[in-house]
Protein backbone atom coordinates (compact mmCIF):
# COMPACT_ATOMS: atom_id res chain seq x y z
CA MET A 1 -11.13 -5.68 -18.48
CA SER A 2 -8.37 -3.21 -19.27
CA ILE A 3 -7.98 -0.19 -17.00
CA VAL A 4 -6.26 3.00 -18.05
CA PRO A 5 -4.21 4.88 -15.38
CA LEU A 6 -5.68 8.10 -14.03
CA SER A 7 -4.75 10.96 -16.34
CA GLY A 8 -1.76 13.10 -15.46
CA LEU A 9 0.09 10.54 -13.37
CA THR A 10 3.70 9.96 -14.33
CA THR A 11 6.55 7.72 -13.30
CA THR A 12 9.19 8.77 -10.80
CA ASP A 13 12.95 9.19 -10.63
CA ALA A 14 13.10 5.74 -9.06
CA ASP A 15 11.92 4.35 -12.40
CA THR A 16 15.36 4.81 -13.91
CA ALA A 17 17.46 4.03 -10.85
CA GLN A 18 20.15 1.38 -11.32
CA PRO A 19 20.78 -1.51 -8.92
CA MET A 20 23.51 -0.90 -6.37
CA THR A 21 27.00 -2.13 -7.19
CA ASP A 22 30.19 -2.23 -5.18
CA SER A 23 31.25 1.01 -6.84
CA GLN A 24 28.20 2.89 -5.59
CA PRO A 25 28.28 4.64 -2.23
CA ALA A 26 26.78 2.72 0.68
CA HIS A 27 25.29 5.87 2.18
CA LEU A 28 22.05 6.86 0.49
CA SER A 29 20.17 10.06 1.12
CA VAL A 30 16.51 10.94 0.90
CA ASN A 31 17.21 12.53 -2.49
CA ASP A 32 18.06 9.12 -3.96
CA LEU A 33 14.39 8.17 -3.85
CA THR A 34 12.48 11.45 -3.81
CA ALA A 35 10.42 11.94 -6.95
CA PRO A 36 9.37 15.14 -8.67
CA PRO A 37 5.76 16.21 -8.12
CA HIS A 38 3.10 14.48 -10.22
CA ARG A 39 0.45 16.30 -12.17
CA GLY A 40 -3.21 15.62 -11.68
CA ILE A 41 -5.16 14.61 -8.58
CA LEU A 42 -3.06 12.74 -6.04
CA THR A 43 -4.36 10.71 -3.12
CA TYR A 44 -1.27 11.35 -1.00
CA MET A 45 1.09 14.10 0.08
CA ARG A 46 4.85 13.63 0.11
CA ARG A 47 6.63 14.46 3.35
CA SER A 48 10.33 14.86 4.02
CA SER A 49 12.27 14.12 7.19
CA PRO A 50 15.81 13.01 8.04
CA LEU A 51 16.74 9.33 8.12
CA ASN A 52 17.88 7.73 11.37
CA THR A 53 20.66 5.15 11.60
CA SER A 54 18.51 2.06 10.99
CA GLN A 55 16.73 3.71 8.07
CA THR A 56 20.01 4.66 6.43
CA GLU A 57 21.18 1.06 6.88
CA GLY A 58 17.90 -0.20 5.47
CA LEU A 59 18.41 1.72 2.22
CA SER A 60 21.99 0.55 1.79
CA ARG A 61 22.06 -2.98 3.21
CA PHE A 62 18.59 -4.20 2.16
CA ARG A 63 17.99 -2.28 -1.04
CA HIS A 64 17.49 -5.59 -2.85
CA LEU A 65 14.01 -5.68 -1.26
CA LEU A 66 13.13 -2.40 -3.00
CA LEU A 67 11.66 -3.00 -6.45
CA GLU A 68 12.50 -0.42 -9.08
CA GLN A 69 10.14 0.73 -11.78
CA PRO A 70 8.98 0.13 -14.45
CA LEU A 71 7.18 -2.93 -13.14
CA ALA A 72 4.49 -5.15 -14.60
CA ASP A 73 3.52 -8.42 -12.92
CA LEU A 74 4.60 -7.97 -9.30
CA ARG A 75 4.16 -11.68 -8.61
CA GLN A 76 7.23 -12.50 -10.66
CA HIS A 77 9.56 -10.78 -8.17
CA PHE A 78 9.17 -13.57 -5.61
CA GLU A 79 10.74 -17.00 -5.29
CA HIS A 80 7.23 -18.49 -5.28
CA PRO A 81 5.15 -16.33 -7.66
CA GLU A 82 2.25 -18.79 -7.47
CA ARG A 83 1.48 -17.81 -3.87
CA PRO A 84 -1.38 -15.36 -3.22
CA LEU A 85 -0.31 -11.72 -3.35
CA THR A 86 -1.26 -9.03 -0.84
CA VAL A 87 -0.65 -5.39 -1.81
CA GLU A 88 -0.71 -2.76 0.94
CA ILE A 89 -1.11 0.85 -0.15
CA GLY A 90 0.54 3.40 2.15
CA PHE A 91 2.14 1.27 4.87
CA GLY A 92 3.56 4.15 6.92
CA MET A 93 6.61 2.95 8.84
CA GLY A 94 5.88 -0.65 7.88
CA GLN A 95 5.77 -2.35 11.29
CA SER A 96 2.35 -3.92 10.76
CA LEU A 97 3.20 -4.94 7.18
CA VAL A 98 6.37 -6.69 8.35
CA ALA A 99 4.45 -8.41 11.15
CA MET A 100 1.82 -9.68 8.68
CA ALA A 101 4.50 -11.00 6.32
CA GLN A 102 6.19 -12.79 9.20
CA ALA A 103 2.91 -14.35 10.33
CA ALA A 104 1.91 -15.52 6.84
CA PRO A 105 4.94 -17.02 5.05
CA GLU A 106 2.54 -18.76 2.65
CA ARG A 107 1.64 -15.38 1.11
CA ASN A 108 3.64 -12.77 -0.80
CA PHE A 109 3.41 -9.11 0.22
CA ILE A 110 4.04 -5.87 -1.66
CA GLY A 111 4.11 -2.57 0.21
CA VAL A 112 3.69 0.70 -1.71
CA GLU A 113 4.67 3.98 -0.05
CA VAL A 114 5.96 7.47 -0.91
CA HIS A 115 7.35 8.44 2.53
CA ILE A 116 11.08 7.73 2.28
CA PRO A 117 11.82 7.21 6.01
CA GLY A 118 8.92 4.72 6.12
CA ILE A 119 10.27 2.85 3.12
CA ALA A 120 13.75 2.78 4.66
CA GLN A 121 12.45 1.56 8.03
CA CYS A 122 10.40 -1.17 6.40
CA LEU A 123 13.43 -2.32 4.42
CA TYR A 124 15.47 -2.47 7.61
CA ASP A 125 12.85 -4.37 9.61
CA ALA A 126 12.11 -6.82 6.80
CA GLY A 127 15.78 -7.32 6.04
CA THR A 128 16.89 -7.94 9.61
CA ALA A 129 13.95 -10.35 10.02
CA GLY A 130 15.19 -12.28 6.98
CA LEU A 131 11.87 -12.03 5.14
CA THR A 132 11.78 -13.34 1.57
CA ASN A 133 8.04 -12.84 1.00
CA LEU A 134 8.00 -9.03 1.22
CA ARG A 135 9.00 -6.40 -1.33
CA VAL A 136 8.69 -2.62 -1.18
CA ILE A 137 7.97 -0.08 -3.92
CA GLU A 138 8.32 3.71 -3.88
CA GLY A 139 5.71 5.35 -6.05
CA ASP A 140 2.07 5.96 -6.86
CA ALA A 141 0.01 2.83 -6.16
CA LEU A 142 -2.49 3.66 -8.90
CA VAL A 143 0.22 3.67 -11.55
CA LEU A 144 1.64 0.39 -10.26
CA LEU A 145 -1.74 -1.32 -10.09
CA ALA A 146 -2.63 -0.20 -13.60
CA ALA A 147 0.45 -2.04 -14.90
CA MET A 148 -0.52 -5.29 -13.17
CA PRO A 149 -2.41 -8.04 -15.03
CA ASP A 150 -6.11 -8.16 -14.26
CA ALA A 151 -7.24 -10.69 -11.63
CA SER A 152 -3.71 -11.03 -10.21
CA ILE A 153 -3.95 -9.70 -6.63
CA ASP A 154 -5.56 -11.67 -3.82
CA ARG A 155 -5.85 -8.81 -1.31
CA VAL A 156 -5.53 -5.04 -1.41
CA GLN A 157 -5.04 -3.35 1.96
CA LEU A 158 -5.61 0.34 2.66
CA TYR A 159 -5.00 1.10 6.33
CA PHE A 160 -5.50 4.58 7.77
CA PRO A 161 -5.30 6.55 4.52
CA ASP A 162 -5.31 10.32 4.57
CA PRO A 163 -8.99 11.27 5.18
CA TRP A 164 -8.62 14.60 3.38
CA GLN A 165 -11.06 16.24 5.77
CA LYS A 166 -11.81 19.44 3.88
CA LYS A 167 -14.67 19.12 1.42
CA LYS A 168 -12.61 20.64 -1.39
CA HIS A 169 -10.09 17.82 -0.89
CA HIS A 170 -12.59 14.94 -0.93
CA LYS A 171 -11.64 14.30 -4.57
CA ARG A 172 -8.24 13.18 -3.24
CA ARG A 173 -9.69 10.38 -1.13
CA PHE A 174 -8.41 7.04 -2.34
CA VAL A 175 -11.79 5.32 -2.12
CA SER A 176 -13.75 6.69 -5.05
CA PRO A 177 -15.76 5.00 -7.83
CA GLU A 178 -13.08 5.46 -10.50
CA ARG A 179 -10.22 4.24 -8.30
CA MET A 180 -12.21 1.28 -7.04
CA ALA A 181 -12.85 0.26 -10.67
CA LEU A 182 -9.08 -0.21 -10.95
CA ILE A 183 -8.91 -2.18 -7.70
CA THR A 184 -11.71 -4.55 -8.67
CA ALA A 185 -10.11 -5.19 -12.06
CA LYS A 186 -6.90 -6.35 -10.36
CA LEU A 187 -8.50 -8.52 -7.65
CA THR A 188 -8.84 -12.25 -8.18
CA ALA A 189 -12.28 -13.84 -7.88
CA GLY A 190 -12.82 -14.09 -4.14
CA GLY A 191 -10.12 -11.49 -3.49
CA TRP A 192 -10.47 -8.89 -0.73
CA PHE A 193 -10.33 -5.15 -0.47
CA HIS A 194 -9.71 -4.36 3.20
CA ALA A 195 -9.70 -0.77 4.48
CA ALA A 196 -9.41 0.67 7.97
CA THR A 197 -9.78 4.26 9.17
CA ASP A 198 -10.07 6.17 12.42
CA TRP A 199 -12.15 8.94 10.79
CA GLU A 200 -15.84 8.11 11.12
CA HIS A 201 -16.91 10.41 8.28
CA TYR A 202 -14.47 8.73 5.91
CA ALA A 203 -15.59 5.29 7.13
CA HIS A 204 -19.18 6.01 6.12
CA TRP A 205 -17.99 7.65 2.90
CA MET A 206 -16.16 4.41 2.02
CA VAL A 207 -19.23 2.30 2.76
CA ASP A 208 -21.36 4.53 0.54
CA VAL A 209 -18.87 4.19 -2.33
CA LEU A 210 -18.08 0.49 -1.92
CA GLU A 211 -21.71 -0.56 -1.73
CA GLN A 212 -22.15 0.84 -5.26
CA VAL A 213 -19.07 -0.79 -6.84
CA PRO A 214 -20.10 -3.53 -9.30
CA GLY A 215 -18.73 -6.94 -8.38
CA LEU A 216 -17.93 -6.16 -4.74
CA SER A 217 -19.82 -7.67 -1.81
CA ASN A 218 -19.57 -6.67 1.85
CA ARG A 219 -18.33 -9.73 3.75
CA TYR A 220 -20.41 -8.79 6.79
CA GLY A 221 -23.58 -7.70 5.03
CA PRO A 222 -24.66 -4.55 3.19
CA GLY A 223 -23.49 -1.38 4.90
CA GLN A 224 -21.77 -3.24 7.74
CA PHE A 225 -18.34 -2.66 9.25
CA ALA A 226 -16.03 -5.58 9.99
CA PRO A 227 -14.42 -6.56 13.28
CA ARG A 228 -10.65 -6.07 13.21
CA PRO A 229 -9.21 -9.32 11.81
CA GLU A 230 -6.63 -11.00 14.04
CA TRP A 231 -4.12 -10.85 11.22
CA ARG A 232 -4.24 -7.03 11.10
CA PRO A 233 -1.83 -6.02 13.88
CA LEU A 234 -3.00 -3.42 16.37
CA THR A 235 -0.63 -0.50 15.86
CA LYS A 236 0.77 1.83 18.50
CA PHE A 237 -1.20 4.60 16.83
CA GLU A 238 -4.42 2.62 17.28
CA ARG A 239 -3.71 1.81 20.91
CA ARG A 240 -3.19 5.49 21.58
CA GLY A 241 -6.45 6.27 19.82
CA HIS A 242 -8.37 3.66 21.80
CA LYS A 243 -7.09 5.14 25.06
CA ALA A 244 -8.32 8.55 23.90
CA GLY A 245 -11.72 7.10 23.06
CA HIS A 246 -11.30 7.19 19.30
CA GLY A 247 -12.95 4.55 17.14
CA VAL A 248 -11.50 2.48 14.29
CA TRP A 249 -13.64 1.15 11.45
CA ASP A 250 -12.67 -1.84 9.28
CA LEU A 251 -14.34 -2.70 5.97
CA ILE A 252 -13.87 -5.91 4.01
CA TYR A 253 -15.33 -6.27 0.53
CA ILE A 254 -14.96 -9.39 -1.60
CA GLN A 255 -14.69 -9.65 -5.36
CA GLN A 256 -17.45 -11.90 -6.58
CA GLU A 257 -16.77 -15.08 -8.55
C-alpha cells in the first residue's frame, strides 16, 4: 500500500546540507540544523536553547551519525541492513535511545528529533559509546516514514509525545487514524508500535484510536495497557513522576501477519 505524506509538510534546510570536510569549521551552531517552519498541522513544536560543551562536540566530532535528507530506505545506512530496524520518534535528549541501542546490538536504531540540543547530545553519547547500530535524523518523522518502503520497519517507538492538552490542539496529537495508517503501512508483519505517555487522557485517547486501526492488535488484549518492557529504560523524568505519584501508561500494538 502506498501512503502519501500529510499535505503541507516540506523538507528542511538539513536536506541540502553537505557532509563535513576538513575545510569546514569544527564549531557548529544551532543555526546549522534549524529548519524553517513547516506549513500544515504539525505534531511537534520546535524549541531553541544553547548547546553545552558535549553537545557542541557531538555535532562536530560525531556528525557522521547524523543522516542528511533526502532519505529513502533507512536500513541501507547501516553496516548490517538486514537486521531489524527500530525507529524512535521524538527521543528527547536520547539517553534511553542510546541505552536501548547498547543493549540490543543485534538491532538497528533510527532516532528522529527536531530539538537540536537533544540531537547533539544523542550524537555525543552514541559516538563516545562507539555505537555503530544507531543513526540520528533531524526532521519531521511523518515525511521520513512516508519515504520508507512499506513493511520495512520492525518497531516504531513513540515515548512521551506532546499530549497537546487543549481540545483545539488535539488535531496535533501524533496518534490519529490518518497518521497510524502511515505507521501500519511501514511496519513489517509482526512489527510493533509501542507508545508511552504520562498523560492519562492521552493514554485513553491512544487506546481508542489504536483499537480502530485495521491490521493492529493489542498485545495484551483489547483496550489493555502494557507493563513497561524491561528493554524500555526508566528515565529520570519517569522516576521523578513516580515519586510525585504520577502514572505512566505503555501501549503495544502488533501488525498482523
